[in-house]
Amino acid sequence: MLSNDKLRFMRQHYNLRQADIADYIGKSLSYVKKVEANQMDVSQETHDKWLECCRKQIRSAKKNRDW
């Protein structure tokens, strides 16, 4: 499982807002902020959904590229 810092890095790297993650994982914006501030841990299920959100962002970005 990735650390909370790495989850934040993944979100930022793929230009997702905290609100995007919160909506996708079904948690509040406050929850996401606490996770990224290392004030709260995530369950395995939430961790997996967080990464899935980032992966979906990657896939949609690849589909929209002009080659």
N, C-alpha and C. Protein backbone atom coordinates (compact mmCIF):
# COMPACT_ATOMS: atom_id res chain seq x y z
N MET A 1 0.83 -1.18 0.00
CA MET A 1 0.00 0.00 0.00
C MET A 1 0.89 1.25 0.00
N LEU A 2 0.49 2.25 -0.77
CA LEU A 2 1.24 3.50 -0.82
C LEU A 2 1.00 4.34 0.43
N SER A 3 1.98 5.12 0.79
CA SER A 3 1.83 6.04 1.93
C SER A 3 0.86 7.16 1.54
N ASN A 4 0.39 7.87 2.55
CA ASN A 4 -0.51 9.00 2.29
C ASN A 4 0.18 10.06 1.45
N ASP A 5 1.47 10.28 1.68
CA ASP A 5 2.22 11.24 0.87
C ASP A 5 2.25 10.84 -0.60
N LYS A 6 2.39 9.55 -0.85
CA LYS A 6 2.42 9.08 -2.23
C LYS A 6 1.05 9.15 -2.89
N LEU A 7 0.01 8.95 -2.10
CA LEU A 7 -1.34 9.12 -2.65
C LEU A 7 -1.54 10.57 -3.07
N ARG A 8 -1.09 11.50 -2.25
CA ARG A 8 -1.17 12.93 -2.60
C ARG A 8 -0.36 13.20 -3.86
N PHE A 9 0.85 12.64 -3.93
CA PHE A 9 1.68 12.83 -5.11
C PHE A 9 0.98 12.33 -6.37
N MET A 10 0.37 11.15 -6.30
CA MET A 10 -0.34 10.59 -7.46
C MET A 10 -1.45 11.54 -7.90
N ARG A 11 -2.21 12.05 -6.95
CA ARG A 11 -3.30 12.96 -7.29
C ARG A 11 -2.77 14.21 -7.98
N GLN A 12 -1.73 14.79 -7.42
CA GLN A 12 -1.16 16.00 -7.99
C GLN A 12 -0.52 15.75 -9.34
N HIS A 13 0.17 14.63 -9.46
CA HIS A 13 0.85 14.29 -10.70
C HIS A 13 -0.13 14.21 -11.88
N TYR A 14 -1.31 13.69 -11.62
CA TYR A 14 -2.31 13.55 -12.68
C TYR A 14 -3.33 14.68 -12.69
N ASN A 15 -2.97 15.79 -12.02
CA ASN A 15 -3.78 17.01 -12.05
C ASN A 15 -5.22 16.79 -11.61
N LEU A 16 -5.39 15.98 -10.60
CA LEU A 16 -6.71 15.78 -10.02
C LEU A 16 -6.85 16.68 -8.80
N ARG A 17 -8.06 17.16 -8.59
CA ARG A 17 -8.32 17.97 -7.39
C ARG A 17 -8.70 17.03 -6.24
N GLN A 18 -8.54 17.51 -5.03
CA GLN A 18 -8.95 16.72 -3.88
C GLN A 18 -10.43 16.38 -4.00
N ALA A 19 -11.22 17.30 -4.52
CA ALA A 19 -12.66 17.07 -4.70
C ALA A 19 -12.92 15.93 -5.70
N ASP A 20 -12.06 15.80 -6.73
CA ASP A 20 -12.21 14.71 -7.70
C ASP A 20 -12.05 13.37 -7.00
N ILE A 21 -11.01 13.28 -6.17
CA ILE A 21 -10.76 12.03 -5.43
C ILE A 21 -11.91 11.76 -4.48
N ALA A 22 -12.32 12.77 -3.73
CA ALA A 22 -13.40 12.61 -2.75
C ALA A 22 -14.68 12.09 -3.43
N ASP A 23 -15.05 12.68 -4.55
CA ASP A 23 -16.24 12.24 -5.27
C ASP A 23 -16.11 10.79 -5.71
N TYR A 24 -14.95 10.44 -6.25
CA TYR A 24 -14.76 9.10 -6.80
C TYR A 24 -14.78 8.03 -5.72
N ILE A 25 -14.13 8.31 -4.59
CA ILE A 25 -14.03 7.29 -3.54
C ILE A 25 -15.23 7.32 -2.59
N GLY A 26 -16.11 8.32 -2.75
CA GLY A 26 -17.31 8.38 -1.93
C GLY A 26 -17.05 8.86 -0.51
N LYS A 27 -16.06 9.72 -0.37
CA LYS A 27 -15.74 10.29 0.95
C LYS A 27 -15.84 11.80 0.85
N SER A 28 -15.75 12.46 2.00
CA SER A 28 -15.84 13.92 2.02
C SER A 28 -14.50 14.55 1.63
N LEU A 29 -14.56 15.80 1.22
CA LEU A 29 -13.35 16.56 0.92
C LEU A 29 -12.48 16.66 2.18
N SER A 30 -13.12 16.83 3.31
CA SER A 30 -12.40 16.90 4.59
C SER A 30 -11.60 15.63 4.84
N TYR A 31 -12.17 14.49 4.51
CA TYR A 31 -11.48 13.20 4.67
C TYR A 31 -10.22 13.15 3.82
N VAL A 32 -10.33 13.55 2.56
CA VAL A 32 -9.18 13.53 1.66
C VAL A 32 -8.08 14.46 2.17
N LYS A 33 -8.48 15.63 2.64
CA LYS A 33 -7.50 16.57 3.19
C LYS A 33 -6.78 15.98 4.40
N LYS A 34 -7.52 15.30 5.27
CA LYS A 34 -6.91 14.69 6.45
C LYS A 34 -5.96 13.56 6.06
N VAL A 35 -6.34 12.78 5.07
CA VAL A 35 -5.46 11.70 4.59
C VAL A 35 -4.15 12.30 4.08
N GLU A 36 -4.25 13.31 3.25
CA GLU A 36 -3.06 13.91 2.66
C GLU A 36 -2.21 14.64 3.70
N ALA A 37 -2.80 15.04 4.81
CA ALA A 37 -2.05 15.70 5.89
C ALA A 37 -1.54 14.68 6.91
N ASN A 38 -1.68 13.40 6.60
CA ASN A 38 -1.26 12.30 7.48
C ASN A 38 -1.98 12.32 8.83
N GLN A 39 -3.20 12.79 8.84
CA GLN A 39 -4.00 12.80 10.06
C GLN A 39 -4.96 11.63 10.12
N MET A 40 -5.04 10.87 9.02
CA MET A 40 -5.97 9.76 8.94
C MET A 40 -5.40 8.72 7.99
N ASP A 41 -5.60 7.46 8.31
CA ASP A 41 -5.18 6.38 7.43
C ASP A 41 -6.34 5.95 6.55
N VAL A 42 -6.01 5.30 5.45
CA VAL A 42 -7.05 4.81 4.53
C VAL A 42 -7.14 3.30 4.63
N SER A 43 -8.32 2.79 4.37
CA SER A 43 -8.50 1.34 4.30
C SER A 43 -7.94 0.85 2.96
N GLN A 44 -7.78 -0.43 2.84
CA GLN A 44 -7.29 -1.01 1.58
C GLN A 44 -8.27 -0.68 0.44
N GLU A 45 -9.56 -0.76 0.74
CA GLU A 45 -10.58 -0.47 -0.28
C GLU A 45 -10.48 0.98 -0.76
N THR A 46 -10.36 1.92 0.16
CA THR A 46 -10.25 3.33 -0.20
C THR A 46 -8.96 3.60 -0.96
N HIS A 47 -7.87 2.98 -0.52
CA HIS A 47 -6.59 3.10 -1.20
C HIS A 47 -6.71 2.65 -2.66
N ASP A 48 -7.35 1.50 -2.85
CA ASP A 48 -7.51 0.96 -4.21
C ASP A 48 -8.38 1.86 -5.08
N LYS A 49 -9.44 2.42 -4.51
CA LYS A 49 -10.30 3.33 -5.26
C LYS A 49 -9.55 4.61 -5.64
N TRP A 50 -8.72 5.10 -4.73
CA TRP A 50 -7.92 6.31 -4.97
C TRP A 50 -7.03 6.08 -6.19
N LEU A 51 -6.33 4.94 -6.20
CA LEU A 51 -5.45 4.64 -7.33
C LEU A 51 -6.23 4.40 -8.61
N GLU A 52 -7.39 3.78 -8.49
CA GLU A 52 -8.24 3.56 -9.66
C GLU A 52 -8.66 4.89 -10.28
N CYS A 53 -8.95 5.86 -9.45
CA CYS A 53 -9.30 7.20 -9.93
C CYS A 53 -8.14 7.78 -10.75
N CYS A 54 -6.94 7.63 -10.24
CA CYS A 54 -5.76 8.13 -10.97
C CYS A 54 -5.56 7.37 -12.27
N ARG A 55 -5.73 6.06 -12.25
CA ARG A 55 -5.57 5.26 -13.48
C ARG A 55 -6.60 5.65 -14.52
N LYS A 56 -7.81 5.90 -14.10
CA LYS A 56 -8.84 6.31 -15.07
C LYS A 56 -8.48 7.65 -15.69
N GLN A 57 -7.89 8.52 -14.91
CA GLN A 57 -7.45 9.81 -15.43
C GLN A 57 -6.37 9.59 -16.49
N ILE A 58 -5.47 8.66 -16.23
CA ILE A 58 -4.41 8.35 -17.19
C ILE A 58 -5.01 7.84 -18.50
N ARG A 59 -5.94 6.90 -18.39
CA ARG A 59 -6.54 6.33 -19.59
C ARG A 59 -7.30 7.37 -20.40
N SER A 60 -8.04 8.23 -19.74
CA SER A 60 -8.79 9.23 -20.49
C SER A 60 -7.85 10.24 -21.13
N ALA A 61 -6.73 10.54 -20.48
CA ALA A 61 -5.75 11.46 -21.07
C ALA A 61 -5.12 10.83 -22.31
N LYS A 62 -4.83 9.53 -22.29
CA LYS A 62 -4.24 8.86 -23.45
C LYS A 62 -5.23 8.84 -24.62
N LYS A 63 -6.51 8.66 -24.33
CA LYS A 63 -7.51 8.62 -25.39
C LYS A 63 -7.64 9.97 -26.09
N ASN A 64 -7.38 11.05 -25.37
CA ASN A 64 -7.58 12.39 -25.91
C ASN A 64 -6.34 12.98 -26.56
N ARG A 65 -5.25 12.23 -26.63
CA ARG A 65 -4.03 12.75 -27.24
C ARG A 65 -4.16 12.81 -28.76
N ASP A 66 -3.57 13.85 -29.31
CA ASP A 66 -3.50 13.95 -30.77
C ASP A 66 -2.13 13.45 -31.21
N TRP A 67 -2.09 12.34 -31.90
CA TRP A 67 -0.80 11.77 -32.33
C TRP A 67 -0.51 12.20 -33.72
